[in-house]
Amino acid sequence: MKQIKAYKCNYCGKIYENKDSCRAHEYKCYFNPRTKSCASCAFNTISTARIMKDNSYIQFPSCLANVDVSKLGLQTICPKYLDRKCKNDQDIMQEVMSAYNPKITLDSYVEKHSDLFG
């Protein structure tokens, strides 16, 4: 067995043999707050809703700031981004939660996965 020197991303933990590759990855990493992506955003959440047709519950990706992440997937450089470290700032979170409408994202999710809901 051969021992190698490896480099680990400070944000997601991914391992690289090459320092430059690791540095390039860290610059774009979804968990790096500098990329302003959903992965490190305080507004990113998983919501649960009840679908009346099947009388069952589904879980879907949701954004408390009403950015549609169900169709578009993870976002980067979002203008509504809030670093996860600020999640305990109750004033900001209450203001955002008061305007949150999960129906927008749910409708989009159901439309995208229409094969599941017929």
PDB file of N, CA and C in Angstrom:
ATOM      1  N   MET A   1       0.855  -1.174   0.000  1.00  0.00           N
ATOM      2  CA  MET A   1       0.000   0.000   0.000  1.00  0.00           C
ATOM      3  C   MET A   1       0.900   1.235   0.000  1.00  0.00           C
ATOM      4  N   LYS A   2       0.459   2.232  -0.774  1.00  0.00           N
ATOM      5  CA  LYS A   2       1.244   3.462  -0.901  1.00  0.00           C
ATOM      6  C   LYS A   2       0.505   4.621  -0.226  1.00  0.00           C
ATOM      7  N   GLN A   3       1.183   5.345   0.601  1.00  0.00           N
ATOM      8  CA  GLN A   3       0.589   6.509   1.259  1.00  0.00           C
ATOM      9  C   GLN A   3       0.684   7.693   0.302  1.00  0.00           C
ATOM     10  N   ILE A   4      -0.411   8.450   0.183  1.00  0.00           N
ATOM     11  CA  ILE A   4      -0.410   9.632  -0.688  1.00  0.00           C
ATOM     12  C   ILE A   4      -0.812  10.853   0.125  1.00  0.00           C
ATOM     13  N   LYS A   5      -0.452  12.004  -0.382  1.00  0.00           N
ATOM     14  CA  LYS A   5      -0.866  13.256   0.227  1.00  0.00           C
ATOM     15  C   LYS A   5      -2.151  13.692  -0.479  1.00  0.00           C
ATOM     16  N   ALA A   6      -3.174  14.021   0.291  1.00  0.00           N
ATOM     17  CA  ALA A   6      -4.463  14.403  -0.292  1.00  0.00           C
ATOM     18  C   ALA A   6      -4.902  15.746   0.270  1.00  0.00           C
ATOM     19  N   TYR A   7      -5.820  16.381  -0.452  1.00  0.00           N
ATOM     20  CA  TYR A   7      -6.370  17.683  -0.057  1.00  0.00           C
ATOM     21  C   TYR A   7      -7.890  17.543   0.053  1.00  0.00           C
ATOM     22  N   LYS A   8      -8.420  18.122   1.113  1.00  0.00           N
ATOM     23  CA  LYS A   8      -9.846  17.995   1.411  1.00  0.00           C
ATOM     24  C   LYS A   8     -10.521  19.359   1.317  1.00  0.00           C
ATOM     25  N   CYS A   9     -11.669  19.399   0.645  1.00  0.00           N
ATOM     26  CA  CYS A   9     -12.453  20.630   0.543  1.00  0.00           C
ATOM     27  C   CYS A   9     -12.912  21.037   1.940  1.00  0.00           C
ATOM     28  N   ASN A  10     -12.716  22.293   2.291  1.00  0.00           N
ATOM     29  CA  ASN A  10     -13.112  22.810   3.606  1.00  0.00           C
ATOM     30  C   ASN A  10     -14.627  22.939   3.761  1.00  0.00           C
ATOM     31  N   TYR A  11     -15.374  22.840   2.650  1.00  0.00           N
ATOM     32  CA  TYR A  11     -16.819  23.054   2.701  1.00  0.00           C
ATOM     33  C   TYR A  11     -17.621  21.754   2.652  1.00  0.00           C
ATOM     34  N   CYS A  12     -17.254  20.833   1.735  1.00  0.00           N
ATOM     35  CA  CYS A  12     -18.043  19.606   1.596  1.00  0.00           C
ATOM     36  C   CYS A  12     -17.273  18.338   1.953  1.00  0.00           C
ATOM     37  N   GLY A  13     -15.964  18.439   2.101  1.00  0.00           N
ATOM     38  CA  GLY A  13     -15.169  17.281   2.491  1.00  0.00           C
ATOM     39  C   GLY A  13     -14.674  16.417   1.351  1.00  0.00           C
ATOM     40  N   LYS A  14     -14.934  16.807   0.118  1.00  0.00           N
ATOM     41  CA  LYS A  14     -14.470  16.041  -1.033  1.00  0.00           C
ATOM     42  C   LYS A  14     -12.936  16.015  -1.047  1.00  0.00           C
ATOM     43  N   ILE A  15     -12.355  14.875  -1.449  1.00  0.00           N
ATOM     44  CA  ILE A  15     -10.901  14.667  -1.409  1.00  0.00           C
ATOM     45  C   ILE A  15     -10.290  14.788  -2.809  1.00  0.00           C
ATOM     46  N   TYR A  16      -9.136  15.450  -2.876  1.00  0.00           N
ATOM     47  CA  TYR A  16      -8.393  15.625  -4.132  1.00  0.00           C
ATOM     48  C   TYR A  16      -6.927  15.293  -3.917  1.00  0.00           C
ATOM     49  N   GLU A  17      -6.296  14.721  -4.940  1.00  0.00           N
ATOM     50  CA  GLU A  17      -4.862  14.442  -4.881  1.00  0.00           C
ATOM     51  C   GLU A  17      -4.050  15.703  -5.157  1.00  0.00           C
ATOM     52  N   ASN A  18      -4.627  16.594  -5.916  1.00  0.00           N
ATOM     53  CA  ASN A  18      -3.920  17.782  -6.380  1.00  0.00           C
ATOM     54  C   ASN A  18      -4.443  19.024  -5.658  1.00  0.00           C
ATOM     55  N   LYS A  19      -3.551  19.840  -5.145  1.00  0.00           N
ATOM     56  CA  LYS A  19      -3.931  21.057  -4.406  1.00  0.00           C
ATOM     57  C   LYS A  19      -4.692  22.042  -5.285  1.00  0.00           C
ATOM     58  N   ASP A  20      -4.249  22.208  -6.537  1.00  0.00           N
ATOM     59  CA  ASP A  20      -4.921  23.144  -7.445  1.00  0.00           C
ATOM     60  C   ASP A  20      -6.346  22.690  -7.776  1.00  0.00           C
ATOM     61  N   SER A  21      -6.536  21.390  -7.947  1.00  0.00           N
ATOM     62  CA  SER A  21      -7.881  20.859  -8.218  1.00  0.00           C
ATOM     63  C   SER A  21      -8.803  21.124  -7.036  1.00  0.00           C
ATOM     64  N   CYS A  22      -8.281  20.923  -5.848  1.00  0.00           N
ATOM     65  CA  CYS A  22      -9.071  21.153  -4.642  1.00  0.00           C
ATOM     66  C   CYS A  22      -9.427  22.633  -4.510  1.00  0.00           C
ATOM     67  N   ARG A  23      -8.473  23.482  -4.769  1.00  0.00           N
ATOM     68  CA  ARG A  23      -8.709  24.926  -4.686  1.00  0.00           C
ATOM     69  C   ARG A  23      -9.771  25.361  -5.717  1.00  0.00           C
ATOM     70  N   ALA A  24      -9.687  24.816  -6.932  1.00  0.00           N
ATOM     71  CA  ALA A  24     -10.676  25.145  -7.970  1.00  0.00           C
ATOM     72  C   ALA A  24     -12.066  24.664  -7.554  1.00  0.00           C
ATOM     73  N   HIS A  25     -12.131  23.477  -6.980  1.00  0.00           N
ATOM     74  CA  HIS A  25     -13.412  22.948  -6.509  1.00  0.00           C
ATOM     75  C   HIS A  25     -13.986  23.824  -5.384  1.00  0.00           C
ATOM     76  N   GLU A  26     -13.154  24.185  -4.411  1.00  0.00           N
ATOM     77  CA  GLU A  26     -13.618  25.015  -3.292  1.00  0.00           C
ATOM     78  C   GLU A  26     -14.209  26.335  -3.780  1.00  0.00           C
ATOM     79  N   TYR A  27     -13.643  26.882  -4.825  1.00  0.00           N
ATOM     80  CA  TYR A  27     -14.128  28.151  -5.363  1.00  0.00           C
ATOM     81  C   TYR A  27     -15.561  28.011  -5.881  1.00  0.00           C
ATOM     82  N   LYS A  28     -15.914  26.815  -6.431  1.00  0.00           N
ATOM     83  CA  LYS A  28     -17.237  26.580  -7.004  1.00  0.00           C
ATOM     84  C   LYS A  28     -18.156  25.741  -6.126  1.00  0.00           C
ATOM     85  N   CYS A  29     -17.665  25.247  -5.008  1.00  0.00           N
ATOM     86  CA  CYS A  29     -18.406  24.307  -4.170  1.00  0.00           C
ATOM     87  C   CYS A  29     -19.760  24.888  -3.735  1.00  0.00           C
ATOM     88  N   TYR A  30     -20.820  24.062  -3.861  1.00  0.00           N
ATOM     89  CA  TYR A  30     -22.162  24.496  -3.460  1.00  0.00           C
ATOM     90  C   TYR A  30     -22.243  24.867  -1.986  1.00  0.00           C
ATOM     91  N   PHE A  31     -21.368  24.304  -1.169  1.00  0.00           N
ATOM     92  CA  PHE A  31     -21.417  24.572   0.268  1.00  0.00           C
ATOM     93  C   PHE A  31     -20.570  25.782   0.670  1.00  0.00           C
ATOM     94  N   ASN A  32     -19.891  26.390  -0.280  1.00  0.00           N
ATOM     95  CA  ASN A  32     -19.114  27.600  -0.035  1.00  0.00           C
ATOM     96  C   ASN A  32     -20.091  28.777  -0.047  1.00  0.00           C
ATOM     97  N   PRO A  33     -20.231  29.511   1.044  1.00  0.00           N
ATOM     98  CA  PRO A  33     -21.179  30.631   1.088  1.00  0.00           C
ATOM     99  C   PRO A  33     -20.940  31.666  -0.014  1.00  0.00           C
ATOM    100  N   ARG A  34     -19.712  31.740  -0.505  1.00  0.00           N
ATOM    101  CA  ARG A  34     -19.390  32.700  -1.563  1.00  0.00           C
ATOM    102  C   ARG A  34     -20.154  32.414  -2.860  1.00  0.00           C
ATOM    103  N   THR A  35     -20.541  31.151  -3.114  1.00  0.00           N
ATOM    104  CA  THR A  35     -21.276  30.818  -4.334  1.00  0.00           C
ATOM    105  C   THR A  35     -22.757  31.167  -4.211  1.00  0.00           C
ATOM    106  N   LYS A  36     -23.195  31.509  -3.001  1.00  0.00           N
ATOM    107  CA  LYS A  36     -24.597  31.857  -2.743  1.00  0.00           C
ATOM    108  C   LYS A  36     -25.540  30.803  -3.317  1.00  0.00           C
ATOM    109  N   SER A  37     -25.290  29.548  -2.980  1.00  0.00           N
ATOM    110  CA  SER A  37     -26.116  28.455  -3.500  1.00  0.00           C
ATOM    111  C   SER A  37     -27.083  27.947  -2.439  1.00  0.00           C
ATOM    112  N   CYS A  38     -28.063  27.186  -2.896  1.00  0.00           N
ATOM    113  CA  CYS A  38     -29.073  26.620  -2.006  1.00  0.00           C
ATOM    114  C   CYS A  38     -28.461  25.759  -0.899  1.00  0.00           C
ATOM    115  N   ALA A  39     -27.375  25.076  -1.210  1.00  0.00           N
ATOM    116  CA  ALA A  39     -26.784  24.135  -0.258  1.00  0.00           C
ATOM    117  C   ALA A  39     -26.324  24.802   1.037  1.00  0.00           C
ATOM    118  N   SER A  40     -25.965  26.081   0.983  1.00  0.00           N
ATOM    119  CA  SER A  40     -25.498  26.764   2.190  1.00  0.00           C
ATOM    120  C   SER A  40     -26.428  27.907   2.598  1.00  0.00           C
ATOM    121  N   CYS A  41     -27.652  27.887   2.088  1.00  0.00           N
ATOM    122  CA  CYS A  41     -28.604  28.983   2.335  1.00  0.00           C
ATOM    123  C   CYS A  41     -29.555  28.644   3.483  1.00  0.00           C
ATOM    124  N   ALA A  42     -29.853  29.618   4.295  1.00  0.00           N
ATOM    125  CA  ALA A  42     -30.767  29.448   5.429  1.00  0.00           C
ATOM    126  C   ALA A  42     -32.204  29.216   4.962  1.00  0.00           C
ATOM    127  N   PHE A  43     -32.531  29.603   3.737  1.00  0.00           N
ATOM    128  CA  PHE A  43     -33.898  29.467   3.238  1.00  0.00           C
ATOM    129  C   PHE A  43     -34.178  28.108   2.594  1.00  0.00           C
ATOM    130  N   ASN A  44     -33.141  27.303   2.406  1.00  0.00           N
ATOM    131  CA  ASN A  44     -33.301  25.990   1.783  1.00  0.00           C
ATOM    132  C   ASN A  44     -33.936  25.029   2.784  1.00  0.00           C
ATOM    133  N   THR A  45     -34.994  24.339   2.361  1.00  0.00           N
ATOM    134  CA  THR A  45     -35.681  23.411   3.257  1.00  0.00           C
ATOM    135  C   THR A  45     -36.351  22.305   2.461  1.00  0.00           C
ATOM    136  N   ILE A  46     -36.754  21.266   3.143  1.00  0.00           N
ATOM    137  CA  ILE A  46     -37.577  20.212   2.547  1.00  0.00           C
ATOM    138  C   ILE A  46     -38.967  20.396   3.129  1.00  0.00           C
ATOM    139  N   SER A  47     -39.945  20.566   2.254  1.00  0.00           N
ATOM    140  CA  SER A  47     -41.324  20.745   2.706  1.00  0.00           C
ATOM    141  C   SER A  47     -42.107  19.453   2.519  1.00  0.00           C
ATOM    142  N   THR A  48     -43.157  19.318   3.288  1.00  0.00           N
ATOM    143  CA  THR A  48     -44.043  18.162   3.175  1.00  0.00           C
ATOM    144  C   THR A  48     -45.438  18.683   2.895  1.00  0.00           C
ATOM    145  N   ALA A  49     -46.111  18.055   1.920  1.00  0.00           N
ATOM    146  CA  ALA A  49     -47.472  18.460   1.587  1.00  0.00           C
ATOM    147  C   ALA A  49     -48.315  17.211   1.354  1.00  0.00           C
ATOM    148  N   ARG A  50     -49.599  17.374   1.496  1.00  0.00           N
ATOM    149  CA  ARG A  50     -50.526  16.267   1.272  1.00  0.00           C
ATOM    150  C   ARG A  50     -51.162  16.438  -0.101  1.00  0.00           C
ATOM    151  N   ILE A  51     -51.079  15.402  -0.915  1.00  0.00           N
ATOM    152  CA  ILE A  51     -51.725  15.410  -2.232  1.00  0.00           C
ATOM    153  C   ILE A  51     -53.082  14.738  -2.076  1.00  0.00           C
ATOM    154  N   MET A  52     -54.128  15.456  -2.430  1.00  0.00           N
ATOM    155  CA  MET A  52     -55.483  14.963  -2.201  1.00  0.00           C
ATOM    156  C   MET A  52     -55.837  13.749  -3.065  1.00  0.00           C
ATOM    157  N   LYS A  53     -55.322  13.683  -4.265  1.00  0.00           N
ATOM    158  CA  LYS A  53     -55.668  12.589  -5.172  1.00  0.00           C
ATOM    159  C   LYS A  53     -55.382  11.228  -4.542  1.00  0.00           C
ATOM    160  N   ASP A  54     -54.176  11.072  -4.033  1.00  0.00           N
ATOM    161  CA  ASP A  54     -53.780   9.798  -3.435  1.00  0.00           C
ATOM    162  C   ASP A  54     -53.884   9.829  -1.918  1.00  0.00           C
ATOM    163  N   ASN A  55     -54.273  10.976  -1.390  1.00  0.00           N
ATOM    164  CA  ASN A  55     -54.379  11.160   0.051  1.00  0.00           C
ATOM    165  C   ASN A  55     -53.075  10.764   0.746  1.00  0.00           C
ATOM    166  N   SER A  56     -51.958  11.149   0.126  1.00  0.00           N
ATOM    167  CA  SER A  56     -50.653  10.798   0.673  1.00  0.00           C
ATOM    168  C   SER A  56     -49.796  12.050   0.825  1.00  0.00           C
ATOM    169  N   TYR A  57     -48.691  11.892   1.518  1.00  0.00           N
ATOM    170  CA  TYR A  57     -47.775  12.997   1.734  1.00  0.00           C
ATOM    171  C   TYR A  57     -46.584  12.861   0.803  1.00  0.00           C
ATOM    172  N   ILE A  58     -46.088  13.996   0.311  1.00  0.00           N
ATOM    173  CA  ILE A  58     -44.859  13.994  -0.475  1.00  0.00           C
ATOM    174  C   ILE A  58     -43.918  15.036   0.120  1.00  0.00           C
ATOM    175  N   GLN A  59     -42.628  14.822  -0.089  1.00  0.00           N
ATOM    176  CA  GLN A  59     -41.636  15.807   0.323  1.00  0.00           C
ATOM    177  C   GLN A  59     -40.985  16.362  -0.927  1.00  0.00           C
ATOM    178  N   PHE A  60     -40.728  17.665  -0.924  1.00  0.00           N
ATOM    179  CA  PHE A  60     -40.147  18.305  -2.094  1.00  0.00           C
ATOM    180  C   PHE A  60     -39.200  19.409  -1.649  1.00  0.00           C
ATOM    181  N   PRO A  61     -38.177  19.695  -2.471  1.00  0.00           N
ATOM    182  CA  PRO A  61     -37.258  20.786  -2.132  1.00  0.00           C
ATOM    183  C   PRO A  61     -38.001  22.107  -2.200  1.00  0.00           C
ATOM    184  N   SER A  62     -37.724  22.970  -1.259  1.00  0.00           N
ATOM    185  CA  SER A  62     -38.452  24.230  -1.198  1.00  0.00           C
ATOM    186  C   SER A  62     -37.540  25.350  -0.723  1.00  0.00           C
ATOM    187  N   CYS A  63     -37.878  26.568  -1.113  1.00  0.00           N
ATOM    188  CA  CYS A  63     -37.129  27.750  -0.708  1.00  0.00           C
ATOM    189  C   CYS A  63     -38.071  28.673   0.040  1.00  0.00           C
ATOM    190  N   LEU A  64     -37.709  29.013   1.254  1.00  0.00           N
ATOM    191  CA  LEU A  64     -38.558  29.890   2.069  1.00  0.00           C
ATOM    192  C   LEU A  64     -38.681  31.285   1.463  1.00  0.00           C
ATOM    193  N   ALA A  65     -37.745  31.656   0.574  1.00  0.00           N
ATOM    194  CA  ALA A  65     -37.788  32.963  -0.080  1.00  0.00           C
ATOM    195  C   ALA A  65     -38.557  32.895  -1.404  1.00  0.00           C
ATOM    196  N   ASN A  66     -39.290  31.790  -1.623  1.00  0.00           N
ATOM    197  CA  ASN A  66     -40.139  31.584  -2.804  1.00  0.00           C
ATOM    198  C   ASN A  66     -39.387  31.542  -4.135  1.00  0.00           C
ATOM    199  N   VAL A  67     -38.144  31.087  -4.119  1.00  0.00           N
ATOM    200  CA  VAL A  67     -37.420  30.833  -5.367  1.00  0.00           C
ATOM    201  C   VAL A  67     -37.754  29.405  -5.757  1.00  0.00           C
ATOM    202  N   ASP A  68     -38.169  29.182  -7.005  1.00  0.00           N
ATOM    203  CA  ASP A  68     -38.590  27.852  -7.444  1.00  0.00           C
ATOM    204  C   ASP A  68     -37.371  26.954  -7.653  1.00  0.00           C
ATOM    205  N   VAL A  69     -37.110  26.075  -6.714  1.00  0.00           N
ATOM    206  CA  VAL A  69     -35.973  25.160  -6.822  1.00  0.00           C
ATOM    207  C   VAL A  69     -36.414  23.769  -7.260  1.00  0.00           C
ATOM    208  N   SER A  70     -37.719  23.531  -7.351  1.00  0.00           N
ATOM    209  CA  SER A  70     -38.176  22.201  -7.730  1.00  0.00           C
ATOM    210  C   SER A  70     -37.960  21.945  -9.220  1.00  0.00           C
ATOM    211  N   LYS A  71     -38.156  22.948 -10.056  1.00  0.00           N
ATOM    212  CA  LYS A  71     -37.960  22.792 -11.506  1.00  0.00           C
ATOM    213  C   LYS A  71     -36.509  23.046 -11.894  1.00  0.00           C
ATOM    214  N   LEU A  72     -35.936  24.071 -11.319  1.00  0.00           N
ATOM    215  CA  LEU A  72     -34.613  24.512 -11.744  1.00  0.00           C
ATOM    216  C   LEU A  72     -33.476  23.825 -11.006  1.00  0.00           C
ATOM    217  N   GLY A  73     -33.750  23.164  -9.909  1.00  0.00           N
ATOM    218  CA  GLY A  73     -32.699  22.523  -9.123  1.00  0.00           C
ATOM    219  C   GLY A  73     -31.966  23.545  -8.262  1.00  0.00           C
ATOM    220  N   LEU A  74     -30.806  23.165  -7.768  1.00  0.00           N
ATOM    221  CA  LEU A  74     -30.028  24.066  -6.928  1.00  0.00           C
ATOM    222  C   LEU A  74     -29.671  25.346  -7.665  1.00  0.00           C
ATOM    223  N   GLN A  75     -29.796  26.446  -6.983  1.00  0.00           N
ATOM    224  CA  GLN A  75     -29.466  27.742  -7.553  1.00  0.00           C
ATOM    225  C   GLN A  75     -28.107  28.200  -7.037  1.00  0.00           C
ATOM    226  N   THR A  76     -27.430  29.025  -7.803  1.00  0.00           N
ATOM    227  CA  THR A  76     -26.210  29.684  -7.330  1.00  0.00           C
ATOM    228  C   THR A  76     -26.342  31.168  -7.617  1.00  0.00           C
ATOM    229  N   ILE A  77     -25.574  31.962  -6.903  1.00  0.00           N
ATOM    230  CA  ILE A  77     -25.602  33.431  -7.015  1.00  0.00           C
ATOM    231  C   ILE A  77     -27.044  33.944  -6.926  1.00  0.00           C
ATOM    232  N   CYS A  78     -27.738  33.486  -5.899  1.00  0.00           N
ATOM    233  CA  CYS A  78     -29.130  33.890  -5.694  1.00  0.00           C
ATOM    234  C   CYS A  78     -29.185  35.254  -5.010  1.00  0.00           C
ATOM    235  N   PRO A  79     -29.988  36.178  -5.536  1.00  0.00           N
ATOM    236  CA  PRO A  79     -30.087  37.508  -4.908  1.00  0.00           C
ATOM    237  C   PRO A  79     -30.763  37.473  -3.533  1.00  0.00           C
ATOM    238  N   LYS A  80     -31.500  36.400  -3.235  1.00  0.00           N
ATOM    239  CA  LYS A  80     -32.192  36.292  -1.949  1.00  0.00           C
ATOM    240  C   LYS A  80     -31.426  35.424  -0.953  1.00  0.00           C
ATOM    241  N   TYR A  81     -30.184  35.114  -1.250  1.00  0.00           N
ATOM    242  CA  TYR A  81     -29.371  34.220  -0.426  1.00  0.00           C
ATOM    243  C   TYR A  81     -29.156  34.776   0.986  1.00  0.00           C
ATOM    244  N   LEU A  82     -29.223  33.886   1.972  1.00  0.00           N
ATOM    245  CA  LEU A  82     -28.885  34.223   3.350  1.00  0.00           C
ATOM    246  C   LEU A  82     -28.015  33.094   3.888  1.00  0.00           C
ATOM    247  N   ASP A  83     -26.828  33.422   4.326  1.00  0.00           N
ATOM    248  CA  ASP A  83     -25.893  32.419   4.836  1.00  0.00           C
ATOM    249  C   ASP A  83     -26.544  31.644   5.976  1.00  0.00           C
ATOM    250  N   ARG A  84     -26.373  30.325   5.964  1.00  0.00           N
ATOM    251  CA  ARG A  84     -26.952  29.445   6.981  1.00  0.00           C
ATOM    252  C   ARG A  84     -26.549  29.850   8.394  1.00  0.00           C
ATOM    253  N   LYS A  85     -25.400  30.502   8.542  1.00  0.00           N
ATOM    254  CA  LYS A  85     -24.957  30.958   9.861  1.00  0.00           C
ATOM    255  C   LYS A  85     -25.910  32.007  10.434  1.00  0.00           C
ATOM    256  N   CYS A  86     -26.691  32.674   9.571  1.00  0.00           N
ATOM    257  CA  CYS A  86     -27.622  33.717  10.013  1.00  0.00           C
ATOM    258  C   CYS A  86     -29.017  33.159  10.285  1.00  0.00           C
ATOM    259  N   LYS A  87     -29.171  31.834  10.237  1.00  0.00           N
ATOM    260  CA  LYS A  87     -30.480  31.215  10.395  1.00  0.00           C
ATOM    261  C   LYS A  87     -31.138  31.561  11.727  1.00  0.00           C
ATOM    262  N   ASN A  88     -30.349  31.895  12.717  1.00  0.00           N
ATOM    263  CA  ASN A  88     -30.895  32.231  14.031  1.00  0.00           C
ATOM    264  C   ASN A  88     -31.324  33.687  14.141  1.00  0.00           C
ATOM    265  N   ASP A  89     -31.171  34.465  13.085  1.00  0.00           N
ATOM    266  CA  ASP A  89     -31.618  35.854  13.084  1.00  0.00           C
ATOM    267  C   ASP A  89     -33.141  35.852  12.900  1.00  0.00           C
ATOM    268  N   GLN A  90     -33.850  35.882  14.004  1.00  0.00           N
ATOM    269  CA  GLN A  90     -35.303  35.717  14.000  1.00  0.00           C
ATOM    270  C   GLN A  90     -36.054  36.773  13.200  1.00  0.00           C
ATOM    271  N   ASP A  91     -35.567  38.006  13.194  1.00  0.00           N
ATOM    272  CA  ASP A  91     -36.263  39.062  12.449  1.00  0.00           C
ATOM    273  C   ASP A  91     -36.310  38.744  10.961  1.00  0.00           C
ATOM    274  N   ILE A  92     -35.156  38.365  10.413  1.00  0.00           N
ATOM    275  CA  ILE A  92     -35.095  38.043   8.987  1.00  0.00           C
ATOM    276  C   ILE A  92     -35.934  36.800   8.690  1.00  0.00           C
ATOM    277  N   MET A  93     -35.792  35.762   9.491  1.00  0.00           N
ATOM    278  CA  MET A  93     -36.499  34.507   9.238  1.00  0.00           C
ATOM    279  C   MET A  93     -38.019  34.690   9.354  1.00  0.00           C
ATOM    280  N   GLN A  94     -38.485  35.469  10.316  1.00  0.00           N
ATOM    281  CA  GLN A  94     -39.926  35.690  10.455  1.00  0.00           C
ATOM    282  C   GLN A  94     -40.478  36.491   9.284  1.00  0.00           C
ATOM    283  N   GLU A  95     -39.715  37.475   8.830  1.00  0.00           N
ATOM    284  CA  GLU A  95     -40.145  38.273   7.681  1.00  0.00           C
ATOM    285  C   GLU A  95     -40.282  37.397   6.435  1.00  0.00           C
ATOM    286  N   VAL A  96     -39.316  36.544   6.215  1.00  0.00           N
ATOM    287  CA  VAL A  96     -39.346  35.662   5.049  1.00  0.00           C
ATOM    288  C   VAL A  96     -40.458  34.627   5.190  1.00  0.00           C
ATOM    289  N   MET A  97     -40.592  34.026   6.366  1.00  0.00           N
ATOM    290  CA  MET A  97     -41.622  33.011   6.584  1.00  0.00           C
ATOM    291  C   MET A  97     -43.035  33.571   6.404  1.00  0.00           C
ATOM    292  N   SER A  98     -43.228  34.842   6.722  1.00  0.00           N
ATOM    293  CA  SER A  98     -44.559  35.432   6.579  1.00  0.00           C
ATOM    294  C   SER A  98     -44.969  35.553   5.113  1.00  0.00           C
ATOM    295  N   ALA A  99     -44.008  35.640   4.213  1.00  0.00           N
ATOM    296  CA  ALA A  99     -44.313  35.748   2.780  1.00  0.00           C
ATOM    297  C   ALA A  99     -44.190  34.409   2.053  1.00  0.00           C
ATOM    298  N   TYR A 100     -43.786  33.354   2.754  1.00  0.00           N
ATOM    299  CA  TYR A 100     -43.553  32.050   2.129  1.00  0.00           C
ATOM    300  C   TYR A 100     -44.851  31.426   1.658  1.00  0.00           C
ATOM    301  N   ASN A 101     -44.851  30.952   0.423  1.00  0.00           N
ATOM    302  CA  ASN A 101     -46.011  30.289  -0.137  1.00  0.00           C
ATOM    303  C   ASN A 101     -45.571  28.963  -0.760  1.00  0.00           C
ATOM    304  N   PRO A 102     -45.702  27.856  -0.029  1.00  0.00           N
ATOM    305  CA  PRO A 102     -45.225  26.578  -0.554  1.00  0.00           C
ATOM    306  C   PRO A 102     -46.025  26.069  -1.747  1.00  0.00           C
ATOM    307  N   LYS A 103     -47.225  26.600  -1.967  1.00  0.00           N
ATOM    308  CA  LYS A 103     -48.062  26.136  -3.077  1.00  0.00           C
ATOM    309  C   LYS A 103     -47.382  26.367  -4.427  1.00  0.00           C
ATOM    310  N   ILE A 104     -46.654  27.456  -4.563  1.00  0.00           N
ATOM    311  CA  ILE A 104     -45.947  27.759  -5.813  1.00  0.00           C
ATOM    312  C   ILE A 104     -44.971  26.629  -6.142  1.00  0.00           C
ATOM    313  N   THR A 105     -44.172  26.252  -5.179  1.00  0.00           N
ATOM    314  CA  THR A 105     -43.181  25.202  -5.385  1.00  0.00           C
ATOM    315  C   THR A 105     -43.853  23.845  -5.516  1.00  0.00           C
ATOM    316  N   LEU A 106     -44.890  23.593  -4.741  1.00  0.00           N
ATOM    317  CA  LEU A 106     -45.589  22.313  -4.807  1.00  0.00           C
ATOM    318  C   LEU A 106     -46.208  22.109  -6.184  1.00  0.00           C
ATOM    319  N   ASP A 107     -46.888  23.126  -6.705  1.00  0.00           N
ATOM    320  CA  ASP A 107     -47.490  23.021  -8.039  1.00  0.00           C
ATOM    321  C   ASP A 107     -46.428  22.726  -9.091  1.00  0.00           C
ATOM    322  N   SER A 108     -45.305  23.395  -8.975  1.00  0.00           N
ATOM    323  CA  SER A 108     -44.201  23.186  -9.900  1.00  0.00           C
ATOM    324  C   SER A 108     -43.663  21.760  -9.788  1.00  0.00           C
ATOM    325  N   TYR A 109     -43.534  21.262  -8.567  1.00  0.00           N
ATOM    326  CA  TYR A 109     -43.023  19.910  -8.327  1.00  0.00           C
ATOM    327  C   TYR A 109     -43.981  18.873  -8.915  1.00  0.00           C
ATOM    328  N   VAL A 110     -45.271  19.039  -8.690  1.00  0.00           N
ATOM    329  CA  VAL A 110     -46.272  18.098  -9.191  1.00  0.00           C
ATOM    330  C   VAL A 110     -46.270  18.111 -10.723  1.00  0.00           C
ATOM    331  N   GLU A 111     -46.146  19.289 -11.317  1.00  0.00           N
ATOM    332  CA  GLU A 111     -46.097  19.405 -12.777  1.00  0.00           C
ATOM    333  C   GLU A 111     -44.873  18.679 -13.341  1.00  0.00           C
ATOM    334  N   LYS A 112     -43.732  18.856 -12.690  1.00  0.00           N
ATOM    335  CA  LYS A 112     -42.490  18.229 -13.149  1.00  0.00           C
ATOM    336  C   LYS A 112     -42.559  16.710 -13.028  1.00  0.00           C
ATOM    337  N   HIS A 113     -43.221  16.215 -11.982  1.00  0.00           N
ATOM    338  CA  HIS A 113     -43.311  14.782 -11.735  1.00  0.00           C
ATOM    339  C   HIS A 113     -44.739  14.273 -11.996  1.00  0.00           C
ATOM    340  N   SER A 114     -45.336  14.743 -13.067  1.00  0.00           N
ATOM    341  CA  SER A 114     -46.724  14.387 -13.385  1.00  0.00           C
ATOM    342  C   SER A 114     -46.919  12.885 -13.558  1.00  0.00           C
ATOM    343  N   ASP A 115     -45.860  12.180 -13.960  1.00  0.00           N
ATOM    344  CA  ASP A 115     -45.968  10.724 -14.113  1.00  0.00           C
ATOM    345  C   ASP A 115     -46.269  10.041 -12.779  1.00  0.00           C
ATOM    346  N   LEU A 116     -45.846  10.651 -11.672  1.00  0.00           N
ATOM    347  CA  LEU A 116     -46.106  10.071 -10.352  1.00  0.00           C
ATOM    348  C   LEU A 116     -47.536  10.338  -9.877  1.00  0.00           C
ATOM    349  N   PHE A 117     -48.109  11.444 -10.363  1.00  0.00           N
ATOM    350  CA  PHE A 117     -49.421  11.860  -9.876  1.00  0.00           C
ATOM    351  C   PHE A 117     -50.535  11.673 -10.893  1.00  0.00           C
ATOM    352  N   GLY A 118     -50.164  11.270 -12.101  1.00  0.00           N
ATOM    353  CA  GLY A 118     -51.107  10.938 -13.167  1.00  0.00           C
ATOM    354  C   GLY A 118     -52.019  12.034 -13.481  1.00  0.00           C
TER     355      GLY A 118
END
